PDB file of N, CA and C in Angstrom:
ATOM      1  N   MET A   1     -12.008  -4.726  -4.729  1.00  0.00           N
ATOM      2  CA  MET A   1     -10.716  -5.256  -5.911  1.00  0.00           C
ATOM      3  C   MET A   1     -10.718  -4.043  -6.478  1.00  0.00           C
ATOM      4  N   PRO A   2      -9.200  -3.750  -6.490  1.00  0.00           N
ATOM      5  CA  PRO A   2      -9.074  -2.317  -7.496  1.00  0.00           C
ATOM      6  C   PRO A   2      -9.405  -2.738  -8.844  1.00  0.00           C
ATOM      7  N   THR A   3      -9.963  -1.374  -9.316  1.00  0.00           N
ATOM      8  CA  THR A   3     -10.073  -1.317 -10.876  1.00  0.00           C
ATOM      9  C   THR A   3      -9.611  -0.345 -11.582  1.00  0.00           C
ATOM     10  N   ILE A   4      -8.712  -0.913 -12.496  1.00  0.00           N
ATOM     11  CA  ILE A   4      -7.813   0.045 -13.179  1.00  0.00           C
ATOM     12  C   ILE A   4      -8.388   0.509 -14.526  1.00  0.00           C
ATOM     13  N   ILE A   5      -8.579   1.847 -14.560  1.00  0.00           N
ATOM     14  CA  ILE A   5      -9.428   2.533 -15.518  1.00  0.00           C
ATOM     15  C   ILE A   5      -8.813   3.609 -15.905  1.00  0.00           C
ATOM     16  N   LYS A   6      -8.202   4.069 -17.210  1.00  0.00           N
ATOM     17  CA  LYS A   6      -7.847   5.268 -17.664  1.00  0.00           C
ATOM     18  C   LYS A   6      -8.577   6.194 -17.216  1.00  0.00           C
ATOM     19  N   GLY A   7      -8.103   7.531 -16.845  1.00  0.00           N
ATOM     20  CA  GLY A   7      -8.790   8.617 -16.457  1.00  0.00           C
ATOM     21  C   GLY A   7      -9.715   8.444 -15.453  1.00  0.00           C
ATOM     22  N   ALA A   8      -9.849   7.518 -14.614  1.00  0.00           N
ATOM     23  CA  ALA A   8     -10.763   7.349 -13.489  1.00  0.00           C
ATOM     24  C   ALA A   8     -10.464   8.673 -12.389  1.00  0.00           C
ATOM     25  N   ALA A   9     -11.399   9.181 -11.679  1.00  0.00           N
ATOM     26  CA  ALA A   9     -10.984  10.232 -10.787  1.00  0.00           C
ATOM     27  C   ALA A   9     -10.857   9.681  -9.615  1.00  0.00           C
ATOM     28  N   LEU A  10      -9.562   9.056  -9.488  1.00  0.00           N
ATOM     29  CA  LEU A  10      -9.181   8.485  -8.115  1.00  0.00           C
ATOM     30  C   LEU A  10      -7.570   8.625  -8.015  1.00  0.00           C
ATOM     31  N   GLN A  11      -7.068   8.358  -7.008  1.00  0.00           N
ATOM     32  CA  GLN A  11      -5.526   8.314  -6.664  1.00  0.00           C
ATOM     33  C   GLN A  11      -4.894   7.042  -6.588  1.00  0.00           C
ATOM     34  N   THR A  12      -4.008   6.653  -7.417  1.00  0.00           N
ATOM     35  CA  THR A  12      -3.401   5.369  -7.164  1.00  0.00           C
ATOM     36  C   THR A  12      -2.033   5.602  -6.570  1.00  0.00           C
ATOM     37  N   VAL A  13      -1.953   4.825  -5.493  1.00  0.00           N
ATOM     38  CA  VAL A  13      -0.681   4.642  -4.809  1.00  0.00           C
ATOM     39  C   VAL A  13       0.116   3.188  -4.978  1.00  0.00           C
ATOM     40  N   ILE A  14       1.436   3.273  -5.420  1.00  0.00           N
ATOM     41  CA  ILE A  14       2.129   2.130  -5.469  1.00  0.00           C
ATOM     42  C   ILE A  14       3.297   2.276  -4.382  1.00  0.00           C
ATOM     43  N   THR A  15       3.231   1.130  -3.753  1.00  0.00           N
ATOM     44  CA  THR A  15       4.352   1.095  -2.574  1.00  0.00           C
ATOM     45  C   THR A  15       5.379   0.000  -2.808  1.00  0.00           C
ATOM     46  N   THR A  16       6.495   0.012  -2.972  1.00  0.00           N
ATOM     47  CA  THR A  16       7.188  -1.065  -3.155  1.00  0.00           C
ATOM     48  C   THR A  16       8.004  -1.334  -1.938  1.00  0.00           C
ATOM     49  N   PHE A  17       8.431  -2.574  -1.181  1.00  0.00           N
ATOM     50  CA  PHE A  17       8.847  -2.758   0.064  1.00  0.00           C
ATOM     51  C   PHE A  17      10.083  -3.516  -0.476  1.00  0.00           C
ATOM     52  N   GLU A  18      11.272  -3.438   0.081  1.00  0.00           N
ATOM     53  CA  GLU A  18      12.499  -4.479  -0.254  1.00  0.00           C
ATOM     54  C   GLU A  18      12.516  -5.111   1.185  1.00  0.00           C
ATOM     55  N   THR A  19      12.402  -6.544   1.126  1.00  0.00           N
ATOM     56  CA  THR A  19      12.618  -7.372   2.334  1.00  0.00           C
ATOM     57  C   THR A  19      13.487  -8.554   1.925  1.00  0.00           C
ATOM     58  N   THR A  20      13.492  -9.394   2.807  1.00  0.00           N
ATOM     59  CA  THR A  20      14.143 -10.747   2.803  1.00  0.00           C
ATOM     60  C   THR A  20      13.180 -11.848   3.052  1.00  0.00           C
ATOM     61  N   PRO A  21      13.615 -12.974   2.533  1.00  0.00           N
ATOM     62  CA  PRO A  21      12.717 -14.202   2.453  1.00  0.00           C
ATOM     63  C   PRO A  21      12.357 -14.519   3.933  1.00  0.00           C
ATOM     64  N   GLY A  22      13.466 -14.122   5.067  1.00  0.00           N
ATOM     65  CA  GLY A  22      13.398 -14.363   6.180  1.00  0.00           C
ATOM     66  C   GLY A  22      12.140 -13.659   7.038  1.00  0.00           C
ATOM     67  N   THR A  23      12.039 -12.381   6.365  1.00  0.00           N
ATOM     68  CA  THR A  23      10.816 -11.337   7.122  1.00  0.00           C
ATOM     69  C   THR A  23       9.821 -11.140   6.166  1.00  0.00           C
ATOM     70  N   CYS A  24       9.691 -11.629   4.870  1.00  0.00           N
ATOM     71  CA  CYS A  24       8.643 -11.201   3.922  1.00  0.00           C
ATOM     72  C   CYS A  24       7.227 -11.882   4.565  1.00  0.00           C
ATOM     73  N   GLN A  25       7.020 -12.819   5.199  1.00  0.00           N
ATOM     74  CA  GLN A  25       5.654 -13.153   5.586  1.00  0.00           C
ATOM     75  C   GLN A  25       5.545 -12.211   6.758  1.00  0.00           C
ATOM     76  N   ASP A  26       6.395 -11.878   7.691  1.00  0.00           N
ATOM     77  CA  ASP A  26       6.157 -10.847   8.696  1.00  0.00           C
ATOM     78  C   ASP A  26       5.671  -9.548   8.376  1.00  0.00           C
ATOM     79  N   LEU A  27       6.333  -9.216   6.892  1.00  0.00           N
ATOM     80  CA  LEU A  27       5.795  -7.889   6.547  1.00  0.00           C
ATOM     81  C   LEU A  27       4.297  -8.015   5.947  1.00  0.00           C
ATOM     82  N   LEU A  28       4.121  -9.133   5.219  1.00  0.00           N
ATOM     83  CA  LEU A  28       2.831  -9.350   4.746  1.00  0.00           C
ATOM     84  C   LEU A  28       1.660  -9.138   5.870  1.00  0.00           C
ATOM     85  N   ASP A  29       2.081 -10.126   6.911  1.00  0.00           N
ATOM     86  CA  ASP A  29       1.310 -10.018   8.119  1.00  0.00           C
ATOM     87  C   ASP A  29       0.835  -8.699   8.532  1.00  0.00           C
ATOM     88  N   ALA A  30       1.915  -7.822   8.538  1.00  0.00           N
ATOM     89  CA  ALA A  30       1.784  -6.576   9.130  1.00  0.00           C
ATOM     90  C   ALA A  30       1.033  -5.601   8.152  1.00  0.00           C
ATOM     91  N   LEU A  31       1.269  -5.738   6.908  1.00  0.00           N
ATOM     92  CA  LEU A  31       0.464  -4.996   6.006  1.00  0.00           C
ATOM     93  C   LEU A  31      -0.982  -5.558   5.846  1.00  0.00           C
ATOM     94  N   ALA A  32      -1.350  -6.754   5.725  1.00  0.00           N
ATOM     95  CA  ALA A  32      -2.666  -7.119   6.258  1.00  0.00           C
ATOM     96  C   ALA A  32      -3.426  -6.581   7.451  1.00  0.00           C
ATOM     97  N   SER A  33      -2.791  -6.797   8.319  1.00  0.00           N
ATOM     98  CA  SER A  33      -3.192  -6.102   9.711  1.00  0.00           C
ATOM     99  C   SER A  33      -3.582  -4.668   9.432  1.00  0.00           C
ATOM    100  N   ALA A  34      -2.590  -4.111   9.009  1.00  0.00           N
ATOM    101  CA  ALA A  34      -2.761  -2.559   9.038  1.00  0.00           C
ATOM    102  C   ALA A  34      -4.039  -2.308   8.112  1.00  0.00           C
ATOM    103  N   TYR A  35      -4.293  -2.756   6.757  1.00  0.00           N
ATOM    104  CA  TYR A  35      -5.472  -2.945   5.966  1.00  0.00           C
ATOM    105  C   TYR A  35      -6.620  -3.153   6.752  1.00  0.00           C
ATOM    106  N   SER A  36      -6.612  -4.457   7.225  1.00  0.00           N
ATOM    107  CA  SER A  36      -7.965  -4.966   7.909  1.00  0.00           C
ATOM    108  C   SER A  36      -8.448  -3.824   8.981  1.00  0.00           C
ATOM    109  N   GLU A  37      -7.319  -3.707   9.770  1.00  0.00           N
ATOM    110  CA  GLU A  37      -7.690  -3.041  11.127  1.00  0.00           C
ATOM    111  C   GLU A  37      -7.917  -1.591  11.297  1.00  0.00           C
ATOM    112  N   PHE A  38      -7.178  -0.823  10.108  1.00  0.00           N
ATOM    113  CA  PHE A  38      -7.120   0.487  10.091  1.00  0.00           C
ATOM    114  C   PHE A  38      -7.223   1.190   8.918  1.00  0.00           C
ATOM    115  N   ILE A  39      -6.371   0.942   7.837  1.00  0.00           N
ATOM    116  CA  ILE A  39      -6.332   1.558   6.519  1.00  0.00           C
ATOM    117  C   ILE A  39      -7.751   1.463   5.756  1.00  0.00           C
ATOM    118  N   SER A  40      -8.351   0.400   5.450  1.00  0.00           N
ATOM    119  CA  SER A  40      -9.706   0.088   4.893  1.00  0.00           C
ATOM    120  C   SER A  40     -10.742   0.843   5.467  1.00  0.00           C
ATOM    121  N   HIS A  41     -10.630   1.498   6.761  1.00  0.00           N
ATOM    122  CA  HIS A  41     -11.623   2.138   7.516  1.00  0.00           C
ATOM    123  C   HIS A  41     -11.605   3.529   7.352  1.00  0.00           C
ATOM    124  N   GLN A  42     -10.414   4.114   6.855  1.00  0.00           N
ATOM    125  CA  GLN A  42      -9.993   5.474   6.424  1.00  0.00           C
ATOM    126  C   GLN A  42     -11.004   6.124   5.432  1.00  0.00           C
ATOM    127  N   PRO A  43     -11.397   7.539   5.729  1.00  0.00           N
ATOM    128  CA  PRO A  43     -11.903   8.151   4.578  1.00  0.00           C
ATOM    129  C   PRO A  43     -11.432   8.115   3.135  1.00  0.00           C
ATOM    130  N   GLY A  44     -11.874   7.762   2.190  1.00  0.00           N
ATOM    131  CA  GLY A  44     -11.269   7.728   0.676  1.00  0.00           C
ATOM    132  C   GLY A  44     -10.666   6.540   0.417  1.00  0.00           C
ATOM    133  N   PHE A  45     -10.512   5.666   1.464  1.00  0.00           N
ATOM    134  CA  PHE A  45     -10.052   4.397   0.854  1.00  0.00           C
ATOM    135  C   PHE A  45     -10.995   3.786  -0.142  1.00  0.00           C
ATOM    136  N   ILE A  46     -10.439   3.182  -1.026  1.00  0.00           N
ATOM    137  CA  ILE A  46     -11.172   2.381  -2.074  1.00  0.00           C
ATOM    138  C   ILE A  46     -10.990   0.923  -2.039  1.00  0.00           C
ATOM    139  N   ALA A  47      -9.600   0.651  -2.356  1.00  0.00           N
ATOM    140  CA  ALA A  47      -9.318  -0.938  -2.825  1.00  0.00           C
ATOM    141  C   ALA A  47      -7.691  -0.842  -2.451  1.00  0.00           C
ATOM    142  N   ALA A  48      -7.260  -2.079  -2.448  1.00  0.00           N
ATOM    143  CA  ALA A  48      -5.900  -2.532  -2.350  1.00  0.00           C
ATOM    144  C   ALA A  48      -5.479  -3.785  -2.440  1.00  0.00           C
ATOM    145  N   GLY A  49      -4.225  -4.099  -3.022  1.00  0.00           N
ATOM    146  CA  GLY A  49      -3.773  -5.433  -2.999  1.00  0.00           C
ATOM    147  C   GLY A  49      -2.242  -5.656  -3.007  1.00  0.00           C
ATOM    148  N   LEU A  50      -2.037  -6.770  -2.329  1.00  0.00           N
ATOM    149  CA  LEU A  50      -0.600  -6.992  -1.957  1.00  0.00           C
ATOM    150  C   LEU A  50       0.079  -8.095  -2.805  1.00  0.00           C
ATOM    151  N   HIS A  51       1.067  -7.901  -3.402  1.00  0.00           N
ATOM    152  CA  HIS A  51       1.726  -8.744  -4.149  1.00  0.00           C
ATOM    153  C   HIS A  51       3.341  -9.232  -3.736  1.00  0.00           C
ATOM    154  N   VAL A  52       3.729 -10.108  -3.949  1.00  0.00           N
ATOM    155  CA  VAL A  52       4.977 -10.611  -3.478  1.00  0.00           C
ATOM    156  C   VAL A  52       5.542 -11.296  -4.749  1.00  0.00           C
ATOM    157  N   ASN A  53       7.000 -11.072  -4.780  1.00  0.00           N
ATOM    158  CA  ASN A  53       7.534 -11.881  -5.936  1.00  0.00           C
ATOM    159  C   ASN A  53       7.928 -13.339  -5.277  1.00  0.00           C
ATOM    160  N   ASP A  54       8.372 -14.049  -6.598  1.00  0.00           N
ATOM    161  CA  ASP A  54       8.739 -15.476  -5.939  1.00  0.00           C
ATOM    162  C   ASP A  54       9.870 -15.579  -5.161  1.00  0.00           C
ATOM    163  N   ALA A  55      10.734 -14.576  -5.203  1.00  0.00           N
ATOM    164  CA  ALA A  55      12.100 -14.687  -4.200  1.00  0.00           C
ATOM    165  C   ALA A  55      11.721 -14.415  -2.877  1.00  0.00           C
ATOM    166  N   GLN A  56      10.530 -13.633  -2.473  1.00  0.00           N
ATOM    167  CA  GLN A  56      10.180 -13.197  -1.440  1.00  0.00           C
ATOM    168  C   GLN A  56      10.800 -12.014  -0.915  1.00  0.00           C
ATOM    169  N   THR A  57      11.619 -10.994  -1.916  1.00  0.00           N
ATOM    170  CA  THR A  57      12.418 -10.137  -1.648  1.00  0.00           C
ATOM    171  C   THR A  57      11.800  -8.739  -1.878  1.00  0.00           C
ATOM    172  N   ARG A  58      10.913  -8.869  -2.595  1.00  0.00           N
ATOM    173  CA  ARG A  58       9.955  -7.732  -2.909  1.00  0.00           C
ATOM    174  C   ARG A  58       8.619  -7.852  -2.703  1.00  0.00           C
ATOM    175  N   VAL A  59       7.715  -6.899  -1.930  1.00  0.00           N
ATOM    176  CA  VAL A  59       6.458  -6.704  -1.766  1.00  0.00           C
ATOM    177  C   VAL A  59       6.023  -5.429  -2.660  1.00  0.00           C
ATOM    178  N   ALA A  60       4.972  -5.547  -3.589  1.00  0.00           N
ATOM    179  CA  ALA A  60       4.244  -4.409  -3.893  1.00  0.00           C
ATOM    180  C   ALA A  60       2.922  -4.223  -3.256  1.00  0.00           C
ATOM    181  N   ASN A  61       2.567  -2.962  -2.981  1.00  0.00           N
ATOM    182  CA  ASN A  61       1.203  -2.592  -2.495  1.00  0.00           C
ATOM    183  C   ASN A  61       0.489  -1.687  -3.448  1.00  0.00           C
ATOM    184  N   TYR A  62      -0.818  -2.230  -4.241  1.00  0.00           N
ATOM    185  CA  TYR A  62      -1.436  -1.260  -4.953  1.00  0.00           C
ATOM    186  C   TYR A  62      -2.647  -0.670  -4.287  1.00  0.00           C
ATOM    187  N   SER A  63      -2.826   0.547  -4.240  1.00  0.00           N
ATOM    188  CA  SER A  63      -3.749   1.180  -3.511  1.00  0.00           C
ATOM    189  C   SER A  63      -4.522   1.996  -4.264  1.00  0.00           C
ATOM    190  N   GLN A  64      -5.917   2.098  -4.105  1.00  0.00           N
ATOM    191  CA  GLN A  64      -6.781   3.415  -4.488  1.00  0.00           C
ATOM    192  C   GLN A  64      -7.447   4.164  -3.648  1.00  0.00           C
ATOM    193  N   TRP A  65      -7.319   5.145  -3.782  1.00  0.00           N
ATOM    194  CA  TRP A  65      -7.854   6.278  -2.877  1.00  0.00           C
ATOM    195  C   TRP A  65      -8.876   7.426  -3.563  1.00  0.00           C
ATOM    196  N   THR A  66     -10.059   8.090  -2.905  1.00  0.00           N
ATOM    197  CA  THR A  66     -10.588   8.729  -3.625  1.00  0.00           C
ATOM    198  C   THR A  66      -9.896  10.055  -4.091  1.00  0.00           C
ATOM    199  N   ARG A  67      -9.010  10.458  -3.023  1.00  0.00           N
ATOM    200  CA  ARG A  67      -8.241  11.808  -3.076  1.00  0.00           C
ATOM    201  C   ARG A  67      -6.922  11.378  -2.655  1.00  0.00           C
ATOM    202  N   ARG A  68      -5.857  12.492  -3.277  1.00  0.00           N
ATOM    203  CA  ARG A  68      -4.592  12.241  -2.608  1.00  0.00           C
ATOM    204  C   ARG A  68      -4.571  12.737  -1.329  1.00  0.00           C
ATOM    205  N   GLU A  69      -5.248  13.716  -0.861  1.00  0.00           N
ATOM    206  CA  GLU A  69      -5.457  14.423   0.655  1.00  0.00           C
ATOM    207  C   GLU A  69      -5.810  13.173   1.210  1.00  0.00           C
ATOM    208  N   ASP A  70      -6.679  12.152   0.926  1.00  0.00           N
ATOM    209  CA  ASP A  70      -7.227  10.943   1.708  1.00  0.00           C
ATOM    210  C   ASP A  70      -6.099  10.292   2.275  1.00  0.00           C
ATOM    211  N   PHE A  71      -5.406   9.966   1.266  1.00  0.00           N
ATOM    212  CA  PHE A  71      -4.063   9.083   1.415  1.00  0.00           C
ATOM    213  C   PHE A  71      -3.029   9.738   2.247  1.00  0.00           C
ATOM    214  N   GLN A  72      -2.801  10.859   2.033  1.00  0.00           N
ATOM    215  CA  GLN A  72      -1.772  11.578   2.702  1.00  0.00           C
ATOM    216  C   GLN A  72      -2.309  11.902   4.224  1.00  0.00           C
ATOM    217  N   ALA A  73      -3.581  12.051   4.714  1.00  0.00           N
ATOM    218  CA  ALA A  73      -4.044  12.145   5.838  1.00  0.00           C
ATOM    219  C   ALA A  73      -4.065  10.748   6.669  1.00  0.00           C
ATOM    220  N   MET A  74      -4.173   9.677   6.113  1.00  0.00           N
ATOM    221  CA  MET A  74      -3.987   8.499   6.410  1.00  0.00           C
ATOM    222  C   MET A  74      -2.361   8.209   6.914  1.00  0.00           C
ATOM    223  N   LEU A  75      -1.745   8.519   6.072  1.00  0.00           N
ATOM    224  CA  LEU A  75      -0.326   8.271   6.490  1.00  0.00           C
ATOM    225  C   LEU A  75       0.161   9.135   7.635  1.00  0.00           C
ATOM    226  N   ARG A  76      -0.453  10.341   7.821  1.00  0.00           N
ATOM    227  CA  ARG A  76      -0.127  11.206   8.978  1.00  0.00           C
ATOM    228  C   ARG A  76      -0.594  11.099  10.080  1.00  0.00           C
ATOM    229  N   SER A  77      -1.511  10.089  10.074  1.00  0.00           N
ATOM    230  CA  SER A  77      -2.399   9.580  11.642  1.00  0.00           C
ATOM    231  C   SER A  77      -1.303   9.235  12.523  1.00  0.00           C
ATOM    232  N   ASP A  78      -1.536   9.497  14.096  1.00  0.00           N
ATOM    233  CA  ASP A  78      -0.831   8.590  14.689  1.00  0.00           C
ATOM    234  C   ASP A  78      -0.826   7.300  14.582  1.00  0.00           C
ATOM    235  N   GLU A  79      -1.813   6.659  14.245  1.00  0.00           N
ATOM    236  CA  GLU A  79      -1.760   5.068  14.114  1.00  0.00           C
ATOM    237  C   GLU A  79      -0.982   4.530  13.129  1.00  0.00           C
ATOM    238  N   MET A  80      -1.249   5.458  12.062  1.00  0.00           N
ATOM    239  CA  MET A  80      -0.244   4.850  10.753  1.00  0.00           C
ATOM    240  C   MET A  80       1.228   5.074  10.805  1.00  0.00           C
ATOM    241  N   ARG A  81       1.676   6.365  11.607  1.00  0.00           N
ATOM    242  CA  ARG A  81       2.963   6.312  11.914  1.00  0.00           C
ATOM    243  C   ARG A  81       3.481   5.404  12.794  1.00  0.00           C
ATOM    244  N   LYS A  82       2.767   4.985  13.803  1.00  0.00           N
ATOM    245  CA  LYS A  82       3.233   3.808  14.701  1.00  0.00           C
ATOM    246  C   LYS A  82       3.281   2.592  13.970  1.00  0.00           C
ATOM    247  N   ARG A  83       2.342   1.997  13.041  1.00  0.00           N
ATOM    248  CA  ARG A  83       2.768   0.899  12.064  1.00  0.00           C
ATOM    249  C   ARG A  83       3.832   1.071  11.034  1.00  0.00           C
ATOM    250  N   ASN A  84       3.753   2.219  10.598  1.00  0.00           N
ATOM    251  CA  ASN A  84       4.957   2.274   9.664  1.00  0.00           C
ATOM    252  C   ASN A  84       6.299   2.276  10.288  1.00  0.00           C
ATOM    253  N   ARG A  85       6.691   2.402  11.633  1.00  0.00           N
ATOM    254  CA  ARG A  85       7.745   2.374  12.578  1.00  0.00           C
ATOM    255  C   ARG A  85       8.042   0.732  12.425  1.00  0.00           C
ATOM    256  N   ALA A  86       6.899  -0.100  12.717  1.00  0.00           N
ATOM    257  CA  ALA A  86       6.938  -1.277  12.744  1.00  0.00           C
ATOM    258  C   ALA A  86       7.378  -2.127  11.426  1.00  0.00           C
ATOM    259  N   ILE A  87       6.641  -1.634  10.442  1.00  0.00           N
ATOM    260  CA  ILE A  87       6.899  -1.744   9.163  1.00  0.00           C
ATOM    261  C   ILE A  87       8.269  -1.733   8.709  1.00  0.00           C
ATOM    262  N   ASN A  88       8.563  -0.562   9.060  1.00  0.00           N
ATOM    263  CA  ASN A  88      10.135  -0.375   8.594  1.00  0.00           C
ATOM    264  C   ASN A  88      11.177  -1.083   9.127  1.00  0.00           C
ATOM    265  N   ASP A  89      10.984  -1.682  10.410  1.00  0.00           N
ATOM    266  CA  ASP A  89      11.778  -2.818  10.988  1.00  0.00           C
ATOM    267  C   ASP A  89      11.840  -4.205  10.388  1.00  0.00           C
ATOM    268  N   LEU A  90      10.795  -4.504   9.413  1.00  0.00           N
ATOM    269  CA  LEU A  90      10.415  -5.686   8.803  1.00  0.00           C
ATOM    270  C   LEU A  90      11.248  -5.469   7.306  1.00  0.00           C
ATOM    271  N   CYS A  91      11.724  -4.442   6.800  1.00  0.00           N
ATOM    272  CA  CYS A  91      12.057  -4.406   5.334  1.00  0.00           C
ATOM    273  C   CYS A  91      13.225  -3.509   5.337  1.00  0.00           C
ATOM    274  N   LYS A  92      14.189  -3.493   4.115  1.00  0.00           N
ATOM    275  CA  LYS A  92      15.352  -2.876   4.145  1.00  0.00           C
ATOM    276  C   LYS A  92      14.820  -1.346   3.489  1.00  0.00           C
ATOM    277  N   SER A  93      13.779  -1.156   2.714  1.00  0.00           N
ATOM    278  CA  SER A  93      13.195   0.134   2.485  1.00  0.00           C
ATOM    279  C   SER A  93      11.740  -0.004   2.001  1.00  0.00           C
ATOM    280  N   PHE A  94      11.051   1.065   2.053  1.00  0.00           N
ATOM    281  CA  PHE A  94       9.695   1.213   1.321  1.00  0.00           C
ATOM    282  C   PHE A  94       9.530   2.565   0.768  1.00  0.00           C
ATOM    283  N   GLU A  95       8.710   2.589  -0.388  1.00  0.00           N
ATOM    284  CA  GLU A  95       8.468   3.922  -0.873  1.00  0.00           C
ATOM    285  C   GLU A  95       7.043   3.689  -1.441  1.00  0.00           C
ATOM    286  N   PRO A  96       6.129   4.826  -0.828  1.00  0.00           N
ATOM    287  CA  PRO A  96       4.917   4.942  -1.635  1.00  0.00           C
ATOM    288  C   PRO A  96       5.102   6.006  -2.950  1.00  0.00           C
ATOM    289  N   VAL A  97       4.489   5.765  -3.759  1.00  0.00           N
ATOM    290  CA  VAL A  97       4.391   6.732  -4.968  1.00  0.00           C
ATOM    291  C   VAL A  97       3.198   6.868  -5.611  1.00  0.00           C
ATOM    292  N   MET A  98       2.864   8.113  -5.840  1.00  0.00           N
ATOM    293  CA  MET A  98       1.251   8.277  -6.506  1.00  0.00           C
ATOM    294  C   MET A  98       1.358   8.243  -7.825  1.00  0.00           C
ATOM    295  N   TYR A  99       0.315   7.541  -8.514  1.00  0.00           N
ATOM    296  CA  TYR A  99       0.351   7.668  -9.738  1.00  0.00           C
ATOM    297  C   TYR A  99      -0.992   7.775 -10.547  1.00  0.00           C
ATOM    298  N   ASP A 100      -1.045   8.325 -11.774  1.00  0.00           N
ATOM    299  CA  ASP A 100      -2.228   8.455 -12.531  1.00  0.00           C
ATOM    300  C   ASP A 100      -2.343   7.371 -13.548  1.00  0.00           C
ATOM    301  N   VAL A 101      -3.395   6.677 -13.736  1.00  0.00           N
ATOM    302  CA  VAL A 101      -3.478   5.783 -14.850  1.00  0.00           C
ATOM    303  C   VAL A 101      -3.572   6.348 -16.179  1.00  0.00           C
ATOM    304  N   THR A 102      -2.525   6.011 -17.057  1.00  0.00           N
ATOM    305  CA  THR A 102      -2.448   6.754 -18.268  1.00  0.00           C
ATOM    306  C   THR A 102      -3.064   5.679 -19.560  1.00  0.00           C
ATOM    307  N   GLU A 103      -3.108   4.492 -19.174  1.00  0.00           N
ATOM    308  CA  GLU A 103      -3.667   3.418 -19.968  1.00  0.00           C
ATOM    309  C   GLU A 103      -3.828   2.204 -19.494  1.00  0.00           C
ATOM    310  N   SER A 104      -4.938   1.557 -19.690  1.00  0.00           N
ATOM    311  CA  SER A 104      -5.320   0.222 -19.069  1.00  0.00           C
ATOM    312  C   SER A 104      -5.661  -0.695 -20.343  1.00  0.00           C
ATOM    313  N   PHE A 105      -5.295  -2.017 -20.194  1.00  0.00           N
ATOM    314  CA  PHE A 105      -5.129  -3.096 -21.200  1.00  0.00           C
ATOM    315  C   PHE A 105      -6.165  -4.202 -20.762  1.00  0.00           C
ATOM    316  N   ASN A 106      -7.112  -4.735 -21.291  1.00  0.00           N
ATOM    317  CA  ASN A 106      -7.860  -5.975 -20.782  1.00  0.00           C
ATOM    318  C   ASN A 106      -7.618  -7.056 -21.812  1.00  0.00           C
TER     319      ASN A 106
END
């Protein structure tokens, strides 16, 4: 489970996907498969969570990595490139963005 802590020595990546209600579940299944079969086994992976809006038009993926380079290496792998081509077919667009936690509230 991701832990959100200000100043934590890790890399946060939030990826947003624009999809349709007709392909939302297929996209979620593809992402869950990618995490269970590949991503979660990569060096530096800490945790991740998938979120979907009520209209099933947006999926947000929150992931944490030990280092920025670990996330980038996973993205550049042949396996993830193949999976991203399939994921791209299930959504209108997606964009991973790296963030630093500046505040955390409980």
